Amino acid sequence: MQETAGQAIREGENVVLLSPTGSGKTLAFILPLIDAVEQGRGVQAVVVVPSRELALQIEAVFRDVVRQQQLPLRGMALYGGRPTMDEHRVLREVHPEVIFATPGRLLDHIGKENVDITPTRLLVIDEYDKCLELGFRDEMDSIAREFARCPQVALTSATTTDETALILEHRTWTTLDFIDSDALRNRLSISIVPSPEKDKLETLARLLSHIGTEQCIVFVAHRESAERIGNYLAKEKFAAVVYHGGMEQDRRERALYRYRAGAASVLVSTDLAARGLDIPTVRHIIHYHLPLDEATFTHRTGRTARWDDTGAAYLIVGPEEQVAEFVPEDVETLSVDEVRIHARQPEWTLFYIGRGKKDKLSRADILGFLCKKGGLTARQIGRIDLAAHASYVAIERTAVKALQQRIAGEKIKGMRTIIEPIRH
């Protein structure tokens, strides 16, 4: 898929790439994009995405490839939730050749002439079907007009849709379809979990107790439902975090840091997490609220069984609910009515450090501090994430108490700051 798509993009074709979630679509367009971009010639490629998390994720892939190839290219993510003026200031400092942006924020910068798209030769719209859904239609119509003179466009998705006329008109397209439902079914088990009550909370808790500490995502239909379920699971002592579009950016990012680090085993989310999030450790998908259509089912379930991994999906079905026709008929039924509710704690605890990249703090600095001052071994230290003014590090849960005693009052890289575990 990557070789075929890469060749088509390098040859200047307008491409519609259809490939399952987790199959590597990002590299399929990032590699030829990098080959086409030259240093210091303005914004030559724009990648449009439906969420800021996806913008940051693709930007990170771009940075990794550029670093590995030792290329002097610069990319920048543009997204809502932070002041446009701050982004404009960074744009003037960085002068990126590639931009990764959500639709509204991209149009904002174009309208204010913060970004000159005249040199742009390639427009990529990742998860284009999501970008065409309600709430993005006007923005995508405007983007189609703004980039009408762009020589080349590439669209990617894990599902097919008929709603492409907005972008597809006046162009000749090469469609590359790599969707093979049978191949995914061989790696994915699907189960119906009956709930005796209309309120499915207790059934969910029993199912999570059955699953154990392996990471899962619980999908719900509404933000309010995500908060309600998150609060319930917290009371039942499950290591769960909530994730939806109505949350403040800092809270959303912290939830993802904790989940990615393995310090939370449950992510309760709206369909915001159904697109683009690449977390290889996710083994279970729970449809608390049943998906309304096949595309939603595909994207939710696609958060597991990525690449050649295996995974499991569960649909919790209430007494008055019916399973949709797009769900395969030969699925199993799993009863958890007799399972005792028992929350198992994950292996890791996430620590917050009040210094980050802007303070010249590196992963090596954190690792050295925890080993020398904290007395930890490398095996007791997990994932380390650096933000602009904060850092997050996973610590083996059994080592937390001793670590706190050893580092009390200590400075990291000569800086005094807060170093404490994140409990919620």
Protein backbone atom coordinates (compact mmCIF):
# COMPACT_ATOMS: atom_id res chain seq x y z
CA MET A 1 0.00 0.00 0.00
CA GLN A 2 2.73 2.47 1.00
CA GLU A 3 4.83 1.69 -2.08
CA THR A 4 1.86 1.97 -4.46
CA ALA A 5 0.53 5.17 -2.92
CA GLY A 6 4.01 6.66 -2.65
CA GLN A 7 4.73 6.04 -6.31
CA ALA A 8 1.41 7.56 -7.40
CA ILE A 9 1.99 10.69 -5.30
CA ARG A 10 5.59 11.03 -6.53
CA GLU A 11 4.31 10.86 -10.11
CA GLY A 12 2.01 13.81 -9.43
CA GLU A 13 -1.31 11.97 -9.50
CA ASN A 14 -4.36 13.06 -7.53
CA VAL A 15 -4.85 10.11 -5.20
CA VAL A 16 -7.74 8.71 -3.16
CA LEU A 17 -6.15 6.21 -0.77
CA LEU A 18 -8.49 3.79 1.00
CA SER A 19 -6.77 1.57 3.54
CA PRO A 20 -7.70 0.09 6.94
CA THR A 21 -6.93 1.90 10.18
CA GLY A 22 -3.51 1.02 11.49
CA SER A 23 -2.15 0.05 8.07
CA GLY A 24 0.37 2.90 7.81
CA LYS A 25 -1.39 5.52 5.66
CA THR A 26 0.56 8.34 7.33
CA LEU A 27 3.91 7.14 5.98
CA ALA A 28 2.26 6.49 2.61
CA PHE A 29 1.91 10.24 2.07
CA ILE A 30 4.62 11.61 4.41
CA LEU A 31 7.52 9.91 2.59
CA PRO A 32 6.71 11.22 -0.92
CA LEU A 33 5.75 14.58 0.60
CA ILE A 34 9.20 14.91 2.13
CA ASP A 35 10.81 13.99 -1.18
CA ALA A 36 8.90 16.79 -2.92
CA VAL A 37 9.68 19.57 -0.42
CA GLU A 38 12.73 21.83 -0.61
CA GLN A 39 14.20 23.90 2.20
CA GLY A 40 13.42 27.61 2.33
CA ARG A 41 10.82 27.76 -0.45
CA GLY A 42 7.76 28.51 1.66
CA VAL A 43 4.83 26.27 2.55
CA GLN A 44 4.99 23.62 -0.17
CA ALA A 45 2.73 20.97 1.44
CA VAL A 46 -0.37 21.22 3.64
CA VAL A 47 -1.90 18.29 5.52
CA VAL A 48 -5.49 18.87 6.70
CA VAL A 49 -6.78 16.68 9.55
CA PRO A 50 -10.03 16.55 11.59
CA SER A 51 -8.47 16.91 15.06
CA ARG A 52 -5.55 18.57 16.79
CA GLU A 53 -4.35 15.26 18.21
CA LEU A 54 -4.02 13.89 14.70
CA ALA A 55 -2.20 17.05 13.59
CA LEU A 56 0.33 16.61 16.40
CA GLN A 57 0.67 12.89 15.74
CA ILE A 58 1.42 13.32 12.02
CA GLU A 59 3.78 16.20 12.76
CA ALA A 60 5.69 13.86 15.11
CA VAL A 61 5.99 11.26 12.33
CA PHE A 62 7.26 13.96 9.98
CA ARG A 63 9.85 15.11 12.51
CA ASP A 64 11.06 11.54 13.09
CA VAL A 65 11.54 10.86 9.38
CA VAL A 66 13.26 14.21 8.80
CA ARG A 67 15.59 13.57 11.74
CA GLN A 68 16.42 10.05 10.57
CA GLN A 69 17.20 11.29 7.07
CA GLN A 70 19.07 14.33 8.47
CA LEU A 71 17.07 16.78 6.34
CA PRO A 72 16.82 20.53 7.14
CA LEU A 73 13.03 20.60 6.75
CA ARG A 74 10.56 22.16 9.17
CA GLY A 75 6.95 21.34 9.90
CA MET A 76 4.38 22.91 12.21
CA ALA A 77 0.98 21.87 13.56
CA LEU A 78 -1.82 24.47 13.60
CA TYR A 79 -4.95 23.78 15.64
CA GLY A 80 -7.57 25.34 17.89
CA GLY A 81 -7.41 25.57 21.66
CA ARG A 82 -4.57 28.06 21.75
CA PRO A 83 -4.30 31.70 20.59
CA THR A 84 -3.88 32.25 16.84
CA MET A 85 -1.44 35.07 17.63
CA ASP A 86 0.91 32.65 19.41
CA GLU A 87 0.92 30.35 16.37
CA HIS A 88 1.53 33.31 14.06
CA ARG A 89 4.56 34.31 16.09
CA VAL A 90 5.99 30.79 15.86
CA LEU A 91 5.20 30.65 12.12
CA ARG A 92 7.33 33.75 11.58
CA GLU A 93 10.17 32.19 13.55
CA VAL A 94 10.04 28.67 12.07
CA HIS A 95 9.15 29.35 8.40
CA PRO A 96 7.86 25.79 7.91
CA GLU A 97 7.88 23.99 4.57
CA VAL A 98 5.02 21.73 5.71
CA ILE A 99 1.89 22.54 7.74
CA PHE A 100 -0.39 20.08 9.56
CA ALA A 101 -3.67 21.80 10.40
CA THR A 102 -7.30 21.45 11.40
CA PRO A 103 -9.69 23.03 8.85
CA GLY A 104 -10.90 26.02 10.88
CA ARG A 105 -7.48 27.05 12.15
CA LEU A 106 -5.91 26.73 8.69
CA LEU A 107 -8.56 28.99 7.16
CA ASP A 108 -8.10 31.47 10.01
CA HIS A 109 -4.39 31.81 9.24
CA ILE A 110 -5.00 32.02 5.47
CA GLY A 111 -7.66 34.69 5.98
CA LYS A 112 -5.31 36.76 8.16
CA GLU A 113 -2.49 36.24 5.64
CA ASN A 114 -0.37 34.54 8.28
CA VAL A 115 0.22 31.69 5.84
CA ASP A 116 1.02 32.07 2.14
CA ILE A 117 -0.17 28.97 0.30
CA THR A 118 0.92 30.21 -3.14
CA PRO A 119 3.97 27.86 -3.19
CA THR A 120 1.89 24.83 -2.05
CA ARG A 121 2.22 21.96 -4.52
CA LEU A 122 0.57 19.17 -2.49
CA LEU A 123 -2.58 19.22 -0.37
CA VAL A 124 -3.27 16.11 1.72
CA ILE A 125 -6.64 15.67 3.41
CA ASP A 126 -6.28 12.86 5.94
CA GLU A 127 -9.48 11.13 7.10
CA TYR A 128 -11.29 13.12 4.42
CA ASP A 129 -14.65 11.48 5.09
CA LYS A 130 -14.54 12.80 8.67
CA CYS A 131 -13.62 16.25 7.36
CA LEU A 132 -16.76 16.19 5.24
CA GLU A 133 -19.07 15.39 8.12
CA LEU A 134 -21.41 17.88 9.75
CA GLY A 135 -19.46 20.78 11.23
CA PHE A 136 -16.65 20.65 8.66
CA ARG A 137 -18.59 21.06 5.40
CA ASP A 138 -18.34 24.86 5.18
CA GLU A 139 -14.66 24.79 6.08
CA MET A 140 -13.88 22.09 3.52
CA ASP A 141 -15.79 24.03 0.84
CA SER A 142 -13.60 27.04 1.62
CA ILE A 143 -10.43 24.93 1.59
CA ALA A 144 -11.43 23.54 -1.82
CA ARG A 145 -11.67 27.11 -3.14
CA GLU A 146 -8.44 28.28 -1.48
CA PHE A 147 -6.49 25.33 -2.95
CA ALA A 148 -8.21 25.28 -6.36
CA ARG A 149 -4.88 26.06 -8.03
CA CYS A 150 -2.88 23.54 -6.00
CA PRO A 151 -1.34 21.12 -8.54
CA GLN A 152 -1.91 17.93 -6.54
CA VAL A 153 -4.32 16.61 -3.89
CA ALA A 154 -4.24 13.33 -1.95
CA LEU A 155 -7.18 12.07 0.13
CA THR A 156 -6.98 9.24 2.67
CA SER A 157 -9.60 7.28 4.59
CA ALA A 158 -10.25 3.90 6.17
CA THR A 159 -13.82 3.85 4.82
CA THR A 160 -15.47 4.68 1.53
CA THR A 161 -17.99 7.49 1.14
CA ASP A 162 -20.10 8.93 -1.67
CA GLU A 163 -19.76 12.47 -0.31
CA THR A 164 -16.62 13.45 -2.19
CA ALA A 165 -17.98 15.83 -4.84
CA LEU A 166 -16.99 18.81 -2.72
CA ILE A 167 -13.31 18.06 -3.27
CA LEU A 168 -13.24 15.73 -6.26
CA GLU A 169 -14.76 17.96 -8.93
CA HIS A 170 -12.59 19.26 -11.76
CA ARG A 171 -9.81 16.73 -11.08
CA THR A 172 -8.86 13.34 -12.48
CA TRP A 173 -8.37 10.84 -9.66
CA THR A 174 -6.50 7.62 -9.06
CA THR A 175 -8.33 5.51 -6.46
CA LEU A 176 -6.20 3.01 -4.53
CA ASP A 177 -8.43 0.66 -2.53
CA PHE A 178 -6.64 -1.59 -0.03
CA ILE A 179 -9.60 -2.27 2.27
CA ASP A 180 -9.90 -6.01 2.98
CA SER A 181 -12.51 -6.68 5.65
CA ASP A 182 -11.76 -10.42 5.74
CA ALA A 183 -8.12 -9.82 6.68
CA LEU A 184 -9.13 -7.70 9.67
CA ARG A 185 -11.72 -10.23 10.84
CA ASN A 186 -8.97 -12.84 11.12
CA ARG A 187 -7.22 -10.64 13.68
CA LEU A 188 -10.27 -9.24 15.47
CA SER A 189 -12.81 -11.00 17.68
CA ILE A 190 -16.24 -9.39 18.10
CA SER A 191 -18.60 -10.17 20.99
CA ILE A 192 -22.10 -9.11 22.00
CA VAL A 193 -22.32 -8.40 25.74
CA PRO A 194 -25.96 -8.39 26.93
CA SER A 195 -26.88 -5.86 29.62
CA PRO A 196 -29.90 -6.84 31.76
CA GLU A 197 -30.49 -3.18 32.62
CA LYS A 198 -31.06 -0.18 30.36
CA ASP A 199 -28.33 1.59 32.35
CA LYS A 200 -25.24 -0.34 31.28
CA LEU A 201 -22.80 0.92 33.92
CA GLU A 202 -22.68 -2.25 35.98
CA THR A 203 -22.31 -4.43 32.89
CA LEU A 204 -19.44 -2.20 31.77
CA ALA A 205 -17.71 -2.57 35.15
CA ARG A 206 -18.10 -6.35 35.00
CA LEU A 207 -16.73 -6.43 31.45
CA LEU A 208 -13.72 -4.32 32.46
CA SER A 209 -13.14 -6.67 35.40
CA HIS A 210 -13.23 -9.58 32.94
CA ILE A 211 -10.70 -7.85 30.66
CA GLY A 212 -8.26 -7.06 33.49
CA THR A 213 -5.43 -4.56 33.06
CA GLU A 214 -5.10 -4.69 29.26
CA GLN A 215 -5.82 -1.30 27.73
CA CYS A 216 -9.23 -0.58 26.25
CA ILE A 217 -11.25 2.31 24.84
CA VAL A 218 -14.91 2.73 25.84
CA PHE A 219 -16.81 4.61 23.13
CA VAL A 220 -19.88 6.68 24.00
CA ALA A 221 -22.19 8.93 22.01
CA HIS A 222 -22.11 12.10 24.13
CA ARG A 223 -19.64 14.20 26.12
CA GLU A 224 -21.93 14.12 29.15
CA SER A 225 -21.97 10.32 28.99
CA ALA A 226 -18.18 10.21 28.93
CA GLU A 227 -18.01 12.32 32.11
CA ARG A 228 -20.73 10.30 33.85
CA ILE A 229 -19.09 6.96 33.03
CA GLY A 230 -15.65 8.30 33.95
CA ASN A 231 -16.92 9.40 37.36
CA TYR A 232 -18.59 6.03 37.95
CA LEU A 233 -15.45 4.09 37.05
CA ALA A 234 -13.35 6.33 39.30
CA LYS A 235 -15.67 5.55 42.23
CA GLU A 236 -15.26 1.85 41.46
CA LYS A 237 -11.45 2.36 41.57
CA PHE A 238 -10.82 1.71 37.86
CA ALA A 239 -7.82 3.53 36.39
CA ALA A 240 -9.85 5.43 33.79
CA VAL A 241 -9.47 8.77 32.00
CA VAL A 242 -12.03 10.77 30.03
CA TYR A 243 -11.45 12.24 26.58
CA HIS A 244 -13.80 14.41 24.49
CA GLY A 245 -13.90 17.64 22.51
CA GLY A 246 -15.48 19.70 25.27
CA MET A 247 -12.50 19.37 27.59
CA GLU A 248 -9.82 22.00 28.04
CA GLN A 249 -6.75 21.22 25.97
CA ASP A 250 -4.50 20.69 29.01
CA ARG A 251 -6.90 18.15 30.48
CA ARG A 252 -7.23 16.31 27.17
CA GLU A 253 -3.48 16.14 26.72
CA ARG A 254 -2.92 14.98 30.28
CA ALA A 255 -5.51 12.23 29.83
CA LEU A 256 -3.71 11.00 26.72
CA TYR A 257 -0.30 11.19 28.42
CA ARG A 258 -1.60 9.05 31.27
CA TYR A 259 -3.27 6.55 28.96
CA ARG A 260 -0.35 6.23 26.53
CA ALA A 261 2.02 5.71 29.46
CA GLY A 262 -0.06 2.78 30.71
CA ALA A 263 -0.97 4.56 33.95
CA ALA A 264 -4.64 4.33 32.96
CA SER A 265 -6.06 1.17 31.46
CA VAL A 266 -9.40 2.65 30.33
CA LEU A 267 -10.03 5.60 27.99
CA VAL A 268 -13.69 6.71 27.99
CA SER A 269 -14.23 8.75 24.87
CA THR A 270 -16.62 10.11 22.29
CA ASP A 271 -15.88 9.33 18.65
CA LEU A 272 -13.12 11.93 18.85
CA ALA A 273 -10.77 9.03 19.65
CA ALA A 274 -12.06 6.95 16.73
CA ARG A 275 -9.91 8.78 14.21
CA GLY A 276 -6.16 8.92 13.97
CA LEU A 277 -5.11 7.98 17.50
CA ASP A 278 -2.35 5.40 17.16
CA ILE A 279 -1.84 3.63 20.50
CA PRO A 280 -0.40 0.17 19.78
CA THR A 281 -1.16 -1.18 23.27
CA VAL A 282 -4.97 -0.95 22.83
CA ARG A 283 -6.30 -4.50 22.86
CA HIS A 284 -10.01 -3.98 23.53
CA ILE A 285 -12.72 -1.71 22.10
CA ILE A 286 -16.03 -1.39 23.95
CA HIS A 287 -19.06 0.11 22.21
CA TYR A 288 -20.97 1.34 25.28
CA HIS A 289 -23.33 3.23 22.98
CA LEU A 290 -23.90 1.28 19.78
CA PRO A 291 -22.41 2.84 16.62
CA LEU A 292 -24.96 4.57 14.39
CA ASP A 293 -23.39 3.51 11.09
CA GLU A 294 -20.82 1.17 9.60
CA ALA A 295 -18.18 3.87 9.21
CA THR A 296 -18.33 4.69 12.93
CA PHE A 297 -18.13 0.98 13.78
CA THR A 298 -15.11 0.57 11.49
CA HIS A 299 -13.21 3.56 12.84
CA ARG A 300 -13.92 2.80 16.50
CA THR A 301 -12.95 -0.85 16.14
CA GLY A 302 -9.91 0.14 14.10
CA ARG A 303 -8.22 1.50 17.23
CA THR A 304 -7.22 -2.11 17.96
CA ALA A 305 -5.81 -4.95 15.81
CA ARG A 306 -3.51 -2.43 14.14
CA TRP A 307 -0.90 -3.57 11.61
CA ASP A 308 -0.72 -7.32 12.24
CA ASP A 309 -1.78 -7.25 15.92
CA THR A 310 -4.87 -8.95 17.29
CA GLY A 311 -7.67 -7.34 19.28
CA ALA A 312 -11.23 -7.64 20.54
CA ALA A 313 -14.37 -5.54 20.18
CA TYR A 314 -17.46 -5.70 22.41
CA LEU A 315 -20.93 -4.26 21.86
CA ILE A 316 -22.89 -3.80 25.09
CA VAL A 317 -26.52 -4.33 24.13
CA GLY A 318 -29.34 -3.21 26.42
CA PRO A 319 -32.67 -5.04 26.75
CA GLU A 320 -34.39 -2.69 24.26
CA GLU A 321 -31.56 -2.44 21.74
CA GLN A 322 -30.92 -4.25 18.46
CA VAL A 323 -27.56 -4.91 16.83
CA ALA A 324 -27.26 -3.20 13.45
CA GLU A 325 -27.07 -5.20 10.22
CA PHE A 326 -23.51 -4.05 9.49
CA VAL A 327 -22.23 -6.02 12.52
CA PRO A 328 -21.17 -9.51 11.35
CA GLU A 329 -23.72 -12.22 12.06
CA ASP A 330 -21.27 -14.85 13.35
CA VAL A 331 -20.22 -12.91 16.47
CA GLU A 332 -20.03 -14.51 19.90
CA THR A 333 -22.19 -13.70 22.92
CA LEU A 334 -20.30 -13.01 26.15
CA SER A 335 -22.20 -12.91 29.44
CA VAL A 336 -20.49 -11.09 32.33
CA ASP A 337 -23.43 -11.21 34.74
CA GLU A 338 -21.52 -13.51 37.11
CA VAL A 339 -18.23 -11.60 36.96
CA ARG A 340 -17.36 -9.85 40.24
CA ILE A 341 -16.60 -6.15 39.88
CA HIS A 342 -12.94 -5.85 40.74
CA ALA A 343 -10.71 -3.04 39.46
CA ARG A 344 -7.09 -4.08 38.93
CA GLN A 345 -4.50 -1.34 39.06
CA PRO A 346 -2.11 -0.82 36.13
CA GLU A 347 1.61 -1.42 36.39
CA TRP A 348 2.53 2.26 35.98
CA THR A 349 1.88 5.58 37.74
CA LEU A 350 2.29 8.81 35.79
CA PHE A 351 4.47 11.54 37.33
CA TYR A 352 4.21 15.22 36.48
CA ILE A 353 7.37 17.35 36.26
CA GLY A 354 6.85 21.11 36.09
CA ARG A 355 9.60 21.68 33.53
CA GLY A 356 9.69 20.84 29.82
CA LYS A 357 11.35 21.40 26.46
CA LYS A 358 11.29 25.19 26.77
CA ASP A 359 13.29 24.80 29.99
CA LYS A 360 15.95 22.79 28.09
CA LEU A 361 14.91 19.59 29.85
CA SER A 362 15.48 16.38 27.89
CA ARG A 363 14.48 12.75 28.30
CA ALA A 364 18.09 11.95 29.17
CA ASP A 365 17.97 14.57 31.97
CA ILE A 366 14.83 12.97 33.41
CA LEU A 367 16.20 9.46 33.12
CA GLY A 368 19.47 10.46 34.81
CA PHE A 369 17.68 12.29 37.62
CA LEU A 370 15.38 9.35 38.40
CA CYS A 371 18.25 6.86 38.38
CA LYS A 372 20.79 8.93 40.32
CA LYS A 373 18.59 10.85 42.75
CA GLY A 374 15.60 8.54 42.78
CA GLY A 375 17.49 5.26 42.93
CA LEU A 376 15.42 3.70 40.14
CA THR A 377 16.58 1.18 37.57
CA ALA A 378 15.83 1.66 33.87
CA ARG A 379 13.23 -1.13 34.08
CA GLN A 380 11.26 0.90 36.65
CA ILE A 381 10.96 3.87 34.26
CA GLY A 382 8.47 3.77 31.39
CA ARG A 383 7.38 6.22 28.75
CA ILE A 384 8.63 9.82 28.98
CA ASP A 385 6.72 12.64 27.24
CA LEU A 386 7.99 16.21 26.96
CA ALA A 387 5.63 19.17 26.56
CA ALA A 388 6.66 22.82 26.26
CA HIS A 389 6.60 23.61 29.98
CA ALA A 390 5.96 20.21 31.58
CA SER A 391 7.04 16.59 31.36
CA TYR A 392 5.37 13.30 32.12
CA VAL A 393 7.06 10.04 33.04
CA ALA A 394 5.68 6.61 33.87
CA ILE A 395 7.06 5.01 37.04
CA GLU A 396 6.53 1.44 38.16
CA ARG A 397 3.70 1.65 40.69
CA THR A 398 5.50 -0.37 43.37
CA ALA A 399 8.43 2.10 43.31
CA VAL A 400 6.42 5.30 43.74
CA LYS A 401 6.51 5.65 47.54
CA ALA A 402 10.27 5.14 47.83
CA LEU A 403 10.89 7.48 44.89
CA GLN A 404 8.91 10.31 46.47
CA GLN A 405 10.95 10.01 49.66
CA ARG A 406 14.29 10.06 47.81
CA ILE A 407 13.58 13.05 45.55
CA ALA A 408 11.84 15.26 48.12
CA GLY A 409 13.43 18.72 47.85
CA GLU A 410 15.79 17.70 45.03
CA LYS A 411 16.39 19.83 41.94
CA ILE A 412 16.31 18.48 38.40
CA LYS A 413 19.06 19.86 36.16
CA GLY A 414 19.61 22.58 38.78
CA MET A 415 15.96 23.66 38.64
CA ARG A 416 13.52 23.51 41.53
CA THR A 417 10.10 22.36 40.40
CA ILE A 418 7.07 20.21 41.20
CA ILE A 419 7.56 16.47 40.78
CA GLU A 420 4.50 14.49 41.81
CA PRO A 421 2.25 11.61 40.74
CA ILE A 422 -0.94 12.33 38.81
CA ARG A 423 -3.82 10.52 40.47
CA HIS A 424 -6.71 11.77 38.30
